[in-house]
C-alpha atoms as a PDB file:
ATOM      1  CA  MET A   1      18.720   0.293  -4.689  1.00  0.00           C
ATOM      2  CA  ILE A   2      15.458  -1.086  -3.351  1.00  0.00           C
ATOM      3  CA  PRO A   3      13.090  -1.896  -6.252  1.00  0.00           C
ATOM      4  CA  PHE A   4       9.420  -0.942  -6.356  1.00  0.00           C
ATOM      5  CA  ILE A   5       6.947  -3.494  -7.700  1.00  0.00           C
ATOM      6  CA  PHE A   6       3.477  -2.859  -9.127  1.00  0.00           C
ATOM      7  CA  ILE A   7       1.154  -5.678 -10.208  1.00  0.00           C
ATOM      8  CA  HIS A   8      -1.830  -5.734 -12.560  1.00  0.00           C
ATOM      9  CA  LEU A   9      -3.614  -9.067 -12.959  1.00  0.00           C
ATOM     10  CA  GLY A  10      -6.390  -9.947 -15.354  1.00  0.00           C
ATOM     11  CA  SER A  11      -7.077  -9.325 -19.025  1.00  0.00           C
ATOM     12  CA  HIS A  12      -8.652  -5.878 -18.589  1.00  0.00           C
ATOM     13  CA  SER A  13      -6.664  -2.756 -19.409  1.00  0.00           C
ATOM     14  CA  ILE A  14      -4.103  -1.359 -16.987  1.00  0.00           C
ATOM     15  CA  PRO A  15      -5.766   1.634 -15.302  1.00  0.00           C
ATOM     16  CA  THR A  16      -4.414   4.969 -16.494  1.00  0.00           C
ATOM     17  CA  TYR A  17      -3.937   6.185 -12.922  1.00  0.00           C
ATOM     18  CA  LEU A  18      -1.138   3.647 -12.469  1.00  0.00           C
ATOM     19  CA  ASN A  19       1.022   6.099 -14.410  1.00  0.00           C
ATOM     20  CA  ASP A  20       0.311   8.764 -11.782  1.00  0.00           C
ATOM     21  CA  SER A  21       1.489   6.400  -9.051  1.00  0.00           C
ATOM     22  CA  ILE A  22       4.619   5.547 -11.042  1.00  0.00           C
ATOM     23  CA  ASP A  23       5.288   9.237 -11.732  1.00  0.00           C
ATOM     24  CA  GLN A  24       5.123   9.992  -8.007  1.00  0.00           C
ATOM     25  CA  CYS A  25       7.332   7.029  -7.112  1.00  0.00           C
ATOM     26  CA  ARG A  26       9.906   8.079  -9.711  1.00  0.00           C
ATOM     27  CA  LEU A  27       9.829  11.713  -8.587  1.00  0.00           C
ATOM     28  CA  TRP A  28      10.971  10.710  -5.097  1.00  0.00           C
ATOM     29  CA  ASN A  29      13.198   7.794  -6.179  1.00  0.00           C
ATOM     30  CA  ARG A  30      15.172   8.693  -9.283  1.00  0.00           C
ATOM     31  CA  GLU A  31      17.464   5.666  -9.417  1.00  0.00           C
ATOM     32  CA  ASN A  32      15.364   2.793  -8.061  1.00  0.00           C
ATOM     33  CA  THR A  33      14.186   0.126 -10.476  1.00  0.00           C
ATOM     34  CA  ILE A  34      10.413   0.106 -10.932  1.00  0.00           C
ATOM     35  CA  TYR A  35       8.808  -3.137 -12.105  1.00  0.00           C
ATOM     36  CA  VAL A  36       5.303  -3.565 -13.451  1.00  0.00           C
ATOM     37  CA  LEU A  37       4.042  -7.154 -13.580  1.00  0.00           C
ATOM     38  CA  CYS A  38       1.156  -7.641 -15.982  1.00  0.00           C
ATOM     39  CA  SER A  39      -0.262  -9.954 -18.614  1.00  0.00           C
ATOM     40  CA  GLU A  40       0.928 -10.123 -22.204  1.00  0.00           C
ATOM     41  CA  VAL A  41      -2.516  -8.890 -23.305  1.00  0.00           C
ATOM     42  CA  ASN A  42      -1.449  -5.518 -21.910  1.00  0.00           C
ATOM     43  CA  ARG A  43       1.708  -5.399 -24.032  1.00  0.00           C
ATOM     44  CA  GLU A  44       0.643  -2.293 -25.967  1.00  0.00           C
ATOM     45  CA  GLN A  45       0.329  -0.357 -22.705  1.00  0.00           C
ATOM     46  CA  CYS A  46       3.868  -1.278 -21.635  1.00  0.00           C
ATOM     47  CA  ASN A  47       5.488   1.787 -23.138  1.00  0.00           C
ATOM     48  CA  ARG A  48       7.292   3.617 -20.351  1.00  0.00           C
ATOM     49  CA  LYS A  49      11.063   3.806 -20.705  1.00  0.00           C
ATOM     50  CA  ASP A  50      11.651   4.255 -16.961  1.00  0.00           C
ATOM     51  CA  VAL A  51       9.880   0.998 -16.042  1.00  0.00           C
ATOM     52  CA  LYS A  52      10.789  -2.669 -16.438  1.00  0.00           C
ATOM     53  CA  TYR A  53       7.778  -4.741 -17.502  1.00  0.00           C
ATOM     54  CA  VAL A  54       7.529  -8.424 -16.705  1.00  0.00           C
ATOM     55  CA  PHE A  55       4.794 -10.580 -18.186  1.00  0.00           C
ATOM     56  CA  ILE A  56       3.289 -12.865 -15.575  1.00  0.00           C
ATOM     57  CA  GLU A  57       2.992 -15.678 -18.133  1.00  0.00           C
ATOM     58  CA  SER A  58       6.795 -15.933 -18.059  1.00  0.00           C
ATOM     59  CA  LEU A  59       6.913 -16.593 -14.304  1.00  0.00           C
ATOM     60  CA  LYS A  60       7.055 -20.074 -12.849  1.00  0.00           C
ATOM     61  CA  ARG A  61       4.287 -20.576 -10.331  1.00  0.00           C
ATOM     62  CA  THR A  62       4.987 -22.086  -6.930  1.00  0.00           C
ATOM     63  CA  GLU A  63       3.125 -25.218  -5.922  1.00  0.00           C
ATOM     64  CA  HIS A  64       0.984 -23.270  -3.454  1.00  0.00           C
ATOM     65  CA  HIS A  65       0.157 -20.694  -6.140  1.00  0.00           C
ATOM     66  CA  GLU A  66      -1.172 -23.517  -8.320  1.00  0.00           C
ATOM     67  CA  ARG A  67      -3.111 -24.841  -5.333  1.00  0.00           C
ATOM     68  CA  PHE A  68      -4.589 -21.402  -4.708  1.00  0.00           C
ATOM     69  CA  ILE A  69      -5.865 -21.219  -8.295  1.00  0.00           C
ATOM     70  CA  GLU A  70      -7.376 -24.707  -8.028  1.00  0.00           C
ATOM     71  CA  THR A  71      -9.023 -24.330  -4.629  1.00  0.00           C
ATOM     72  CA  THR A  72      -9.858 -20.662  -4.032  1.00  0.00           C
ATOM     73  CA  LYS A  73     -13.481 -19.834  -3.367  1.00  0.00           C
ATOM     74  CA  LEU A  74     -12.931 -16.087  -3.639  1.00  0.00           C
ATOM     75  CA  ASP A  75     -15.385 -14.172  -5.814  1.00  0.00           C
ATOM     76  CA  ASN A  76     -14.163 -14.253  -9.419  1.00  0.00           C
ATOM     77  CA  GLU A  77     -17.095 -12.296 -10.869  1.00  0.00           C
ATOM     78  CA  PHE A  78     -17.147  -8.962  -9.014  1.00  0.00           C
ATOM     79  CA  ARG A  79     -15.294  -6.279 -11.002  1.00  0.00           C
ATOM     80  CA  SER A  80     -13.516  -8.720 -13.322  1.00  0.00           C
ATOM     81  CA  GLY A  81     -12.296 -10.928 -10.471  1.00  0.00           C
ATOM     82  CA  PHE A  82     -11.198  -8.166  -8.100  1.00  0.00           C
ATOM     83  CA  PHE A  83     -11.217 -10.231  -4.903  1.00  0.00           C
ATOM     84  CA  LYS A  84      -9.439 -13.191  -6.487  1.00  0.00           C
ATOM     85  CA  HIS A  85      -6.839 -10.978  -8.155  1.00  0.00           C
ATOM     86  CA  THR A  86      -6.021  -8.969  -5.015  1.00  0.00           C
ATOM     87  CA  SER A  87      -5.136 -12.196  -3.229  1.00  0.00           C
ATOM     88  CA  GLU A  88      -3.426 -13.866  -6.179  1.00  0.00           C
ATOM     89  CA  ARG A  89      -1.152 -10.877  -6.865  1.00  0.00           C
ATOM     90  CA  LEU A  90       0.785 -11.717  -3.673  1.00  0.00           C
ATOM     91  CA  PHE A  91       1.434 -15.198  -5.063  1.00  0.00           C
ATOM     92  CA  THR A  92       2.534 -13.605  -8.349  1.00  0.00           C
ATOM     93  CA  LEU A  93       4.766 -11.272  -6.349  1.00  0.00           C
ATOM     94  CA  GLU A  94       6.428 -14.275  -4.705  1.00  0.00           C
ATOM     95  CA  ASP A  95       6.849 -16.027  -8.078  1.00  0.00           C
ATOM     96  CA  PHE A  96       8.553 -12.929  -9.447  1.00  0.00           C
ATOM     97  CA  CYS A  97      10.913 -12.538  -6.486  1.00  0.00           C
ATOM     98  CA  ILE A  98      11.981 -16.177  -6.722  1.00  0.00           C
ATOM     99  CA  ASP A  99      12.526 -16.056 -10.500  1.00  0.00           C
ATOM    100  CA  PHE A 100      14.430 -12.748 -10.368  1.00  0.00           C
ATOM    101  CA  SER A 101      16.312 -13.476  -7.100  1.00  0.00           C
ATOM    102  CA  ILE A 102      14.902 -10.367  -5.429  1.00  0.00           C
ATOM    103  CA  THR A 103      15.213 -10.462  -1.655  1.00  0.00           C
ATOM    104  CA  GLU A 104      14.182  -6.934  -0.656  1.00  0.00           C
ATOM    105  CA  PHE A 105      11.510  -4.728  -2.220  1.00  0.00           C
ATOM    106  CA  ILE A 106       8.579  -2.380  -1.753  1.00  0.00           C
ATOM    107  CA  HIS A 107       5.275  -3.384  -3.309  1.00  0.00           C
ATOM    108  CA  LEU A 108       2.733  -0.668  -4.110  1.00  0.00           C
ATOM    109  CA  GLU A 109      -0.873  -1.049  -5.124  1.00  0.00           C
ATOM    110  CA  ASN A 110      -1.796   0.864  -8.249  1.00  0.00           C
ATOM    111  CA  ASP A 111      -3.837   3.501  -6.391  1.00  0.00           C
ATOM    112  CA  ASN A 112      -1.177   4.458  -3.854  1.00  0.00           C
ATOM    113  CA  MET A 113       1.008   7.569  -3.921  1.00  0.00           C
ATOM    114  CA  ILE A 114       4.271   7.755  -1.993  1.00  0.00           C
ATOM    115  CA  TYR A 115       6.116  10.764  -0.605  1.00  0.00           C
ATOM    116  CA  PHE A 116       9.461   9.373   0.526  1.00  0.00           C
ATOM    117  CA  SER A 117      12.867   8.376  -0.733  1.00  0.00           C
ATOM    118  CA  THR A 118      14.120   4.918   0.178  1.00  0.00           C
ATOM    119  CA  ASP A 119      17.487   6.508   0.917  1.00  0.00           C
ATOM    120  CA  ASP A 120      15.870   8.442   3.754  1.00  0.00           C
ATOM    121  CA  ILE A 121      13.891   5.706   5.513  1.00  0.00           C
ATOM    122  CA  ILE A 122      15.287   2.327   4.446  1.00  0.00           C
ATOM    123  CA  ASP A 123      17.073   1.979   7.788  1.00  0.00           C
ATOM    124  CA  ALA A 124      13.718   2.380   9.542  1.00  0.00           C
ATOM    125  CA  PHE A 125      12.165  -0.328   7.371  1.00  0.00           C
ATOM    126  CA  ARG A 126      15.040  -2.713   8.012  1.00  0.00           C
ATOM    127  CA  SER A 127      15.234  -2.103  11.750  1.00  0.00           C
ATOM    128  CA  THR A 128      11.563  -2.834  12.431  1.00  0.00           C
ATOM    129  CA  VAL A 129      11.145  -6.221  10.751  1.00  0.00           C
ATOM    130  CA  ARG A 130      12.805  -9.321   9.383  1.00  0.00           C
ATOM    131  CA  GLY A 131      10.032 -10.315   7.020  1.00  0.00           C
ATOM    132  CA  ILE A 132       7.112  -8.174   5.824  1.00  0.00           C
ATOM    133  CA  SER A 133       5.577  -4.859   6.933  1.00  0.00           C
ATOM    134  CA  ALA A 134       2.313  -3.176   6.000  1.00  0.00           C
ATOM    135  CA  PRO A 135      -0.138  -0.776   7.665  1.00  0.00           C
ATOM    136  CA  ALA A 136      -3.316  -1.958   9.395  1.00  0.00           C
ATOM    137  CA  LEU A 137      -6.622  -0.243   8.727  1.00  0.00           C
ATOM    138  CA  SER A 138      -8.284  -2.065  11.634  1.00  0.00           C
ATOM    139  CA  TYR A 139      -7.828  -5.175  13.740  1.00  0.00           C
ATOM    140  CA  ASP A 140      -9.404  -7.149  10.888  1.00  0.00           C
ATOM    141  CA  TYR A 141      -7.668  -5.580   7.892  1.00  0.00           C
ATOM    142  CA  VAL A 142      -3.994  -5.325   6.984  1.00  0.00           C
ATOM    143  CA  ILE A 143      -3.713  -3.263   3.817  1.00  0.00           C
ATOM    144  CA  PHE A 144      -1.033  -4.247   1.320  1.00  0.00           C
ATOM    145  CA  GLY A 145      -1.313  -0.902  -0.481  1.00  0.00           C
ATOM    146  CA  ILE A 146       2.285  -0.482   0.571  1.00  0.00           C
ATOM    147  CA  MET A 147       4.288  -3.483   1.692  1.00  0.00           C
ATOM    148  CA  TYR A 148       7.985  -3.687   2.526  1.00  0.00           C
ATOM    149  CA  CYS A 149       9.715  -7.077   2.481  1.00  0.00           C
ATOM    150  CA  ASN A 150      13.269  -8.046   3.315  1.00  0.00           C
ATOM    151  CA  ASP A 151      12.773 -11.818   3.587  1.00  0.00           C
ATOM    152  CA  VAL A 152      10.755 -13.507   0.854  1.00  0.00           C
ATOM    153  CA  LYS A 153      10.394 -16.575   3.077  1.00  0.00           C
ATOM    154  CA  ALA A 154       7.924 -14.543   5.141  1.00  0.00           C
ATOM    155  CA  LEU A 155       5.904 -13.804   1.994  1.00  0.00           C
ATOM    156  CA  THR A 156       5.996 -17.513   1.151  1.00  0.00           C
ATOM    157  CA  ALA A 157       4.746 -18.349   4.642  1.00  0.00           C
ATOM    158  CA  PHE A 158       1.901 -15.858   4.260  1.00  0.00           C
ATOM    159  CA  ASN A 159       0.835 -17.289   0.903  1.00  0.00           C
ATOM    160  CA  GLU A 160       0.909 -20.832   2.261  1.00  0.00           C
ATOM    161  CA  TYR A 161      -1.166 -19.622   5.205  1.00  0.00           C
ATOM    162  CA  THR A 162      -3.688 -18.114   2.785  1.00  0.00           C
ATOM    163  CA  VAL A 163      -4.078 -21.428   0.954  1.00  0.00           C
ATOM    164  CA  GLU A 164      -4.402 -23.470   4.136  1.00  0.00           C
ATOM    165  CA  ASN A 165      -7.114 -21.252   5.643  1.00  0.00           C
ATOM    166  CA  THR A 166     -10.320 -19.610   4.458  1.00  0.00           C
ATOM    167  CA  PHE A 167     -10.561 -15.832   4.248  1.00  0.00           C
ATOM    168  CA  SER A 168     -12.892 -13.470   2.420  1.00  0.00           C
ATOM    169  CA  THR A 169     -10.071 -11.120   1.376  1.00  0.00           C
ATOM    170  CA  GLU A 170      -6.296 -10.877   1.495  1.00  0.00           C
ATOM    171  CA  MET A 171      -6.784  -8.046   4.007  1.00  0.00           C
ATOM    172  CA  ASN A 172      -8.391 -10.449   6.482  1.00  0.00           C
ATOM    173  CA  ALA A 173      -5.693 -13.027   5.790  1.00  0.00           C
ATOM    174  CA  GLY A 174      -3.050 -10.378   6.452  1.00  0.00           C
ATOM    175  CA  ALA A 175      -4.577  -9.414   9.800  1.00  0.00           C
ATOM    176  CA  ALA A 176      -4.712 -13.029  10.969  1.00  0.00           C
ATOM    177  CA  PHE A 177      -1.204 -13.817   9.738  1.00  0.00           C
ATOM    178  CA  PHE A 178       0.358 -10.701  11.250  1.00  0.00           C
ATOM    179  CA  ASP A 179      -1.385 -11.405  14.554  1.00  0.00           C
ATOM    180  CA  ALA A 180       0.028 -14.935  14.627  1.00  0.00           C
ATOM    181  CA  ASN A 181       3.559 -14.126  13.435  1.00  0.00           C
ATOM    182  CA  HIS A 182       5.018 -11.311  15.505  1.00  0.00           C
ATOM    183  CA  THR A 183       8.652 -12.133  14.723  1.00  0.00           C
ATOM    184  CA  THR A 184       8.369 -11.981  10.919  1.00  0.00           C
ATOM    185  CA  THR A 185       5.809  -9.184  10.506  1.00  0.00           C
ATOM    186  CA  SER A 186       5.413  -5.598  11.655  1.00  0.00           C
ATOM    187  CA  TYR A 187       2.868  -2.828  11.221  1.00  0.00           C
ATOM    188  CA  LEU A 188       3.825   0.354   9.448  1.00  0.00           C
ATOM    189  CA  PRO A 189       2.606   3.222  11.674  1.00  0.00           C
ATOM    190  CA  SER A 190      -0.715   4.763  10.662  1.00  0.00           C
ATOM    191  CA  THR A 191      -1.465   7.184  13.525  1.00  0.00           C
ATOM    192  CA  THR A 192       0.748   9.920  14.908  1.00  0.00           C
ATOM    193  CA  GLN A 193       0.803   8.940  18.564  1.00  0.00           C
ATOM    194  CA  ASN A 194      -0.448   6.529  21.180  1.00  0.00           C
ATOM    195  CA  ILE A 195      -3.665   8.390  21.926  1.00  0.00           C
ATOM    196  CA  ILE A 196      -5.218   5.143  23.140  1.00  0.00           C
ATOM    197  CA  THR A 197      -3.196   3.142  25.661  1.00  0.00           C
ATOM    198  CA  ASP A 198      -4.592  -0.287  24.752  1.00  0.00           C
ATOM    199  CA  VAL A 199      -1.568  -2.492  23.951  1.00  0.00           C
ATOM    200  CA  ARG A 200      -3.192  -4.040  20.893  1.00  0.00           C
ATOM    201  CA  TYR A 201      -4.105  -0.641  19.473  1.00  0.00           C
ATOM    202  CA  ILE A 202      -0.567   0.647  19.935  1.00  0.00           C
ATOM    203  CA  ARG A 203       0.957  -2.389  18.241  1.00  0.00           C
ATOM    204  CA  TYR A 204      -1.368  -2.112  15.250  1.00  0.00           C
ATOM    205  CA  SER A 205      -1.277   1.648  14.759  1.00  0.00           C
ATOM    206  CA  SER A 206       1.808   3.316  16.154  1.00  0.00           C
ATOM    207  CA  SER A 207       4.322   0.947  17.722  1.00  0.00           C
ATOM    208  CA  ASN A 208       7.008   1.996  15.208  1.00  0.00           C
ATOM    209  CA  ILE A 209       6.144   5.678  15.028  1.00  0.00           C
ATOM    210  CA  GLY A 210       9.268   6.617  16.958  1.00  0.00           C
ATOM    211  CA  VAL A 211      11.434   4.936  14.325  1.00  0.00           C
ATOM    212  CA  PHE A 212       9.723   6.191  11.170  1.00  0.00           C
ATOM    213  CA  LYS A 213       8.621   9.574  12.543  1.00  0.00           C
ATOM    214  CA  GLY A 214       5.859   9.553   9.938  1.00  0.00           C
ATOM    215  CA  VAL A 215       2.742   7.645   8.923  1.00  0.00           C
ATOM    216  CA  PHE A 216       1.618   5.373   6.095  1.00  0.00           C
ATOM    217  CA  ASP A 217      -1.987   5.482   4.971  1.00  0.00           C
ATOM    218  CA  PRO A 218      -3.978   2.226   4.915  1.00  0.00           C
ATOM    219  CA  ALA A 219      -6.967   4.098   3.452  1.00  0.00           C
ATOM    220  CA  GLN A 220      -8.426   6.557   5.951  1.00  0.00           C
ATOM    221  CA  TYR A 221      -6.424   9.685   5.077  1.00  0.00           C
ATOM    222  CA  GLY A 222      -6.775   9.238   1.330  1.00  0.00           C
ATOM    223  CA  GLN A 223     -10.500   8.605   1.737  1.00  0.00           C
ATOM    224  CA  TRP A 224     -10.896  11.759   3.823  1.00  0.00           C
ATOM    225  CA  LEU A 225      -8.866  13.956   1.478  1.00  0.00           C
ATOM    226  CA  GLY A 226     -10.075  12.509  -1.804  1.00  0.00           C
ATOM    227  CA  GLY A 227     -13.265  10.561  -1.256  1.00  0.00           C
ATOM    228  CA  VAL A 228     -14.187   6.935  -1.857  1.00  0.00           C
ATOM    229  CA  ASP A 229     -14.134   4.897  -5.052  1.00  0.00           C
ATOM    230  CA  PRO A 230     -17.229   6.218  -6.881  1.00  0.00           C
ATOM    231  CA  ARG A 231     -18.131   2.661  -7.855  1.00  0.00           C
ATOM    232  CA  ASN A 232     -18.831   2.032  -4.160  1.00  0.00           C
ATOM    233  CA  PHE A 233     -20.928   5.100  -3.432  1.00  0.00           C
ATOM    234  CA  ALA A 234     -20.981   8.837  -4.029  1.00  0.00           C
ATOM    235  CA  SER A 235     -18.715  10.915  -1.805  1.00  0.00           C
ATOM    236  CA  THR A 236     -16.805  14.164  -1.856  1.00  0.00           C
ATOM    237  CA  PRO A 237     -13.453  15.166  -0.331  1.00  0.00           C
ATOM    238  CA  PHE A 238     -13.604  15.847   3.402  1.00  0.00           C
ATOM    239  CA  SER A 239     -16.916  14.006   3.747  1.00  0.00           C
ATOM    240  CA  PHE A 240     -16.101  10.353   4.473  1.00  0.00           C
ATOM    241  CA  SER A 241     -14.540   9.265   7.748  1.00  0.00           C
ATOM    242  CA  ASN A 242     -13.811   5.544   7.832  1.00  0.00           C
ATOM    243  CA  THR A 243     -15.248   4.558  11.204  1.00  0.00           C
ATOM    244  CA  CYS A 244     -13.662   1.098  11.171  1.00  0.00           C
ATOM    245  CA  ALA A 245     -10.166   2.605  10.871  1.00  0.00           C
ATOM    246  CA  LEU A 246      -7.805   2.621  13.838  1.00  0.00           C
ATOM    247  CA  ALA A 247      -7.567   6.387  13.496  1.00  0.00           C
ATOM    248  CA  GLY A 248     -11.302   6.531  14.090  1.00  0.00           C
ATOM    249  CA  ARG A 249     -10.859   5.054  17.558  1.00  0.00           C
ATOM    250  CA  SER A 250      -9.032   8.198  18.605  1.00  0.00           C
ATOM    251  CA  CYS A 251     -10.130  11.182  16.555  1.00  0.00           C
ATOM    252  CA  GLY A 252     -10.800   9.982  13.026  1.00  0.00           C
ATOM    253  CA  PRO A 253      -9.017  11.395   9.978  1.00  0.00           C
ATOM    254  CA  GLU A 254     -11.124  14.546  10.348  1.00  0.00           C
ATOM    255  CA  GLY A 255      -9.516  15.146  13.743  1.00  0.00           C
ATOM    256  CA  TYR A 256      -6.150  16.024  12.214  1.00  0.00           C
ATOM    257  CA  ASN A 257      -4.950  19.309  10.780  1.00  0.00           C
ATOM    258  CA  TYR A 258      -3.565  18.859   7.262  1.00  0.00           C
ATOM    259  CA  SER A 259      -0.917  21.018   5.672  1.00  0.00           C
ATOM    260  CA  VAL A 260       1.459  20.783   2.751  1.00  0.00           C
ATOM    261  CA  VAL A 261       5.179  21.226   3.336  1.00  0.00           C
ATOM    262  CA  THR A 262       8.080  21.512   0.927  1.00  0.00           C
ATOM    263  CA  CYS A 263      10.945  19.195   1.859  1.00  0.00           C
ATOM    264  CA  GLU A 264      14.675  19.858   1.518  1.00  0.00           C
ATOM    265  CA  ASN A 265      14.672  18.106  -1.868  1.00  0.00           C
ATOM    266  CA  GLY A 266      12.103  20.609  -3.150  1.00  0.00           C
ATOM    267  CA  LEU A 267       9.250  18.068  -3.234  1.00  0.00           C
ATOM    268  CA  ASN A 268       5.932  18.462  -1.457  1.00  0.00           C
ATOM    269  CA  ARG A 269       3.987  16.218   0.877  1.00  0.00           C
ATOM    270  CA  TYR A 270       1.289  16.340   3.510  1.00  0.00           C
ATOM    271  CA  THR A 271       1.860  16.738   7.209  1.00  0.00           C
ATOM    272  CA  ILE A 272      -0.837  15.767   9.702  1.00  0.00           C
ATOM    273  CA  GLU A 273      -0.978  17.328  13.173  1.00  0.00           C
ATOM    274  CA  ARG A 274      -2.965  16.742  16.348  1.00  0.00           C
ATOM    275  CA  ASP A 275      -2.350  17.866  19.918  1.00  0.00           C
ATOM    276  CA  GLY A 276       0.882  19.563  18.872  1.00  0.00           C
ATOM    277  CA  VAL A 277       2.327  16.403  17.294  1.00  0.00           C
ATOM    278  CA  ALA A 278       3.014  16.765  13.555  1.00  0.00           C
ATOM    279  CA  MET A 279       4.177  13.953  11.283  1.00  0.00           C
ATOM    280  CA  PRO A 280       4.842  13.623   7.551  1.00  0.00           C
ATOM    281  CA  VAL A 281       2.543  11.394   5.501  1.00  0.00           C
ATOM    282  CA  TYR A 282       4.744   8.922   3.601  1.00  0.00           C
ATOM    283  CA  SER A 283       1.954   7.366   1.553  1.00  0.00           C
ATOM    284  CA  LEU A 284      -1.645   8.050   0.575  1.00  0.00           C
ATOM    285  CA  HIS A 285      -4.121   5.395  -0.525  1.00  0.00           C
ATOM    286  CA  ILE A 286      -6.202   7.281  -3.090  1.00  0.00           C
ATOM    287  CA  HIS A 287      -9.364   5.198  -2.867  1.00  0.00           C
ATOM    288  CA  SER A 288     -11.238   7.519  -5.273  1.00  0.00           C
ATOM    289  CA  LYS A 289      -8.654   6.725  -7.978  1.00  0.00           C
ATOM    290  CA  TYR A 290      -8.139  10.443  -8.718  1.00  0.00           C
ATOM    291  CA  LEU A 291      -4.398  10.122  -8.199  1.00  0.00           C
ATOM    292  CA  ASP A 292      -3.522  13.068 -10.410  1.00  0.00           C
ATOM    293  CA  ARG A 293      -4.963  15.401  -7.750  1.00  0.00           C
ATOM    294  CA  PHE A 294      -2.271  14.277  -5.328  1.00  0.00           C
ATOM    295  CA  LYS A 295       0.796  14.715  -7.496  1.00  0.00           C
ATOM    296  CA  ASN A 296       3.572  17.056  -6.424  1.00  0.00           C
ATOM    297  CA  ASP A 297       2.412  20.327  -7.965  1.00  0.00           C
ATOM    298  CA  ARG A 298      -1.227  19.891  -6.958  1.00  0.00           C
ATOM    299  CA  LEU A 299      -0.196  19.597  -3.314  1.00  0.00           C
ATOM    300  CA  LEU A 300       0.973  23.209  -3.397  1.00  0.00           C
ATOM    301  CA  GLU A 301      -2.665  24.198  -3.214  1.00  0.00           C
ATOM    302  CA  HIS A 302      -4.311  24.356   0.200  1.00  0.00           C
ATOM    303  CA  PRO A 303      -5.980  20.974   0.884  1.00  0.00           C
ATOM    304  CA  GLN A 304      -9.487  22.445   1.132  1.00  0.00           C
ATOM    305  CA  ASN A 305      -9.031  24.027  -2.301  1.00  0.00           C
ATOM    306  CA  LEU A 306      -7.637  21.000  -4.098  1.00  0.00           C
ATOM    307  CA  TYR A 307     -10.842  20.393  -6.003  1.00  0.00           C
ATOM    308  CA  SER A 308     -11.901  23.938  -6.801  1.00  0.00           C
END
């Protein structure tokens, strides 16, 4: 079974909403191993019986991970080192895969909710890449909120690329690396159809839509349905449309009709529809961090009434 991997770096407490993401992952994937990589200072929070915890202090760092720590100029002050940690977690992910001989996995960020079983779409993942896949928010941002990998050498190459070049975030590094490595990377589809005929747009947003027959959310759908991280600015559901998102080049997240459907397994998920084309939403990036509002039972409510 394909394992799922979550990562929490730093000495601050593991956010409570990570449990909501794990609950959702486990609901759809009963047998898959779920790993949480974290520091030993978080030991008291490592109390779930359905999760395997791995302390990052036990992992052997690669040479380029050590070089990253020594040379990175990423901001280590903002939000307890947020920008440094978001980049370093991909080095930690590589360390873990090497130490535990893991060659295929799905990595989820702690504020992402998934609505799929690996049994149902693993063939789609495998057929669209030999390396790593993730959705693009824009031409400048690849979002590792959900990342599939079936060749850790591609992850190694990306981390080495990050060390050898200068980027402000791992999202920018991802966009540049994906753009330069077509044979070992692919974009998870994030829009329902090729509304725009520009070749670059299609490759970034929907080139694999015919294989997956569903979309993965870089951020725009979760931001529209649930708002933005309140630490950034005040927002409400159905009020923020991310204008830099690829979806915004066609109709924006507000241009879709949203509905909740119950699947054959009895679980619920969103469907988005535009111009008669409807697709399931396989993941939502809950930027507001209110993940509990997007768990299975809450989705039974009509989207516009989720917060009443």
